[in-house]
């Protein structure tokens, strides 16, 4: 998703997605697997450290970090190429795959723009 107000962060996530899929393909005949975990907003110290506690996403309910880690670990052990954790994130991912990039950037703006937290 294009990340308004977090363009570098979202851009590096896009790189990692692409990189992991490419690396998985390159290593397919070696017995080495690569799993790309694609979590949504997860309850960690990230939002405080990123100075995002005045944003909607920073103050909203997030996925449990343990649940996200468990999802990723199970996918890795199963040799899955990618996994999206959390039902809400799976829904967002499905919607994002058919939504124009400009609209996605505007949606992200509503979550990540400073001052969007509920008062």
Protein backbone atom coordinates (compact mmCIF):
# COMPACT_ATOMS: atom_id res chain seq x y z
CA UNK A 1 0.00 0.00 0.00
CA UNK A 2 1.37 3.45 -0.82
CA UNK A 3 2.20 4.90 2.58
CA UNK A 4 1.32 8.56 2.86
CA UNK A 5 3.35 10.10 5.72
CA UNK A 6 5.42 6.90 5.92
CA UNK A 7 6.69 6.66 2.33
CA UNK A 8 10.16 5.33 3.19
CA UNK A 9 8.79 2.74 5.62
CA UNK A 10 6.17 1.47 3.18
CA UNK A 11 8.66 1.56 0.31
CA UNK A 12 11.09 -0.65 2.21
CA UNK A 13 8.25 -3.06 3.00
CA UNK A 14 7.47 -3.26 -0.72
CA UNK A 15 11.14 -3.96 -1.42
CA UNK A 16 11.21 -6.77 1.16
CA UNK A 17 8.07 -8.34 -0.32
CA UNK A 18 9.56 -8.27 -3.82
CA UNK A 19 12.99 -9.39 -2.62
CA UNK A 20 11.63 -12.37 -0.67
CA UNK A 21 9.51 -13.58 -3.59
CA UNK A 22 12.47 -13.28 -5.98
CA UNK A 23 14.88 -14.96 -3.56
CA UNK A 24 12.40 -17.79 -2.94
CA UNK A 25 12.18 -18.36 -6.69
CA UNK A 26 15.97 -18.33 -7.11
CA UNK A 27 16.42 -20.85 -4.29
CA UNK A 28 13.55 -23.15 -5.23
CA UNK A 29 15.77 -26.12 -6.16
CA UNK A 30 18.12 -25.85 -3.16
CA UNK A 31 15.89 -27.01 -0.29
CA UNK A 32 16.01 -23.51 1.20
CA UNK A 33 12.67 -21.77 1.61
CA UNK A 34 11.92 -18.09 2.10
CA UNK A 35 8.73 -17.00 3.85
CA UNK A 36 7.48 -13.42 3.67
CA UNK A 37 5.40 -12.50 6.73
CA UNK A 38 3.06 -9.61 5.95
CA UNK A 39 1.52 -8.42 9.20
CA UNK A 40 -0.77 -5.49 9.64
CA UNK A 41 -0.41 -3.04 12.48
CA UNK A 42 1.01 -5.03 15.40
CA UNK A 43 1.08 -4.12 19.08
CA UNK A 44 4.74 -3.28 19.65
CA UNK A 45 6.76 -0.22 20.65
CA UNK A 46 7.09 0.72 16.96
CA UNK A 47 4.39 3.40 16.99
CA UNK A 48 5.83 5.15 20.03
CA UNK A 49 9.35 5.00 18.59
CA UNK A 50 8.10 6.30 15.23
CA UNK A 51 6.37 9.24 16.98
CA UNK A 52 2.98 8.06 15.71
CA UNK A 53 0.92 8.20 18.90
CA UNK A 54 -1.04 11.13 17.48
CA UNK A 55 -2.24 9.04 14.52
CA UNK A 56 -5.27 6.84 14.05
CA UNK A 57 -3.14 3.74 13.48
CA UNK A 58 -0.89 4.56 16.44
CA UNK A 59 -3.79 4.67 18.87
CA UNK A 60 -6.00 1.95 17.37
CA UNK A 61 -6.28 -1.70 18.42
CA UNK A 62 -3.55 -3.76 16.77
CA UNK A 63 -2.76 -7.42 16.29
CA UNK A 64 -1.03 -9.26 19.11
CA UNK A 65 2.71 -9.62 18.44
CA UNK A 66 2.72 -13.22 19.71
CA UNK A 67 -0.09 -14.19 17.35
CA UNK A 68 1.73 -12.57 14.42
CA UNK A 69 4.96 -14.38 15.30
CA UNK A 70 3.13 -17.69 15.61
CA UNK A 71 1.51 -17.21 12.20
CA UNK A 72 4.89 -16.46 10.64
CA UNK A 73 6.62 -19.37 12.35
CA UNK A 74 3.96 -21.86 11.25
CA UNK A 75 4.14 -20.58 7.67
CA UNK A 76 7.93 -20.87 7.68
CA UNK A 77 7.82 -24.40 9.06
CA UNK A 78 5.26 -25.33 6.38
CA UNK A 79 7.50 -23.86 3.69
CA UNK A 80 4.87 -21.29 2.67
CA UNK A 81 6.06 -18.47 0.44
CA UNK A 82 3.98 -15.76 2.05
CA UNK A 83 1.48 -15.29 4.82
CA UNK A 84 -0.76 -12.41 5.82
CA UNK A 85 -1.53 -12.42 9.53
CA UNK A 86 -4.83 -11.38 11.08
CA UNK A 87 -8.29 -11.54 9.54
CA UNK A 88 -8.63 -7.74 9.27
CA UNK A 89 -5.27 -7.52 7.51
CA UNK A 90 -6.31 -10.32 5.13
CA UNK A 91 -9.42 -8.31 4.27
CA UNK A 92 -7.37 -5.13 3.74
CA UNK A 93 -4.95 -7.07 1.53
CA UNK A 94 -7.79 -8.39 -0.62
CA UNK A 95 -9.29 -4.92 -0.99
CA UNK A 96 -5.88 -3.40 -1.77
CA UNK A 97 -5.35 -5.82 -4.66
CA UNK A 98 -8.30 -4.30 -6.55
CA UNK A 99 -8.10 -0.66 -5.40
CA UNK A 100 -6.29 2.07 -7.38
CA UNK A 101 -2.99 3.21 -5.84
CA UNK A 102 -4.16 6.81 -5.43
CA UNK A 103 -7.14 5.68 -3.40
CA UNK A 104 -4.91 3.45 -1.26
CA UNK A 105 -2.56 6.37 -0.58
CA UNK A 106 -5.54 8.45 0.55
CA UNK A 107 -6.76 5.62 2.80
CA UNK A 108 -3.28 5.36 4.34
CA UNK A 109 -3.25 9.11 4.84
CA UNK A 110 -6.36 8.78 7.00
CA UNK A 111 -4.54 6.30 9.23
CA UNK A 112 -1.03 7.76 9.39
CA UNK A 113 -1.41 11.52 9.10
CA UNK A 114 -0.30 13.30 12.26
CA UNK A 115 -3.28 14.50 14.27
CA UNK A 116 -5.71 11.77 13.13
CA UNK A 117 -5.87 10.07 16.54
CA UNK A 118 -9.22 10.15 18.31
CA UNK A 119 -9.19 12.78 21.01
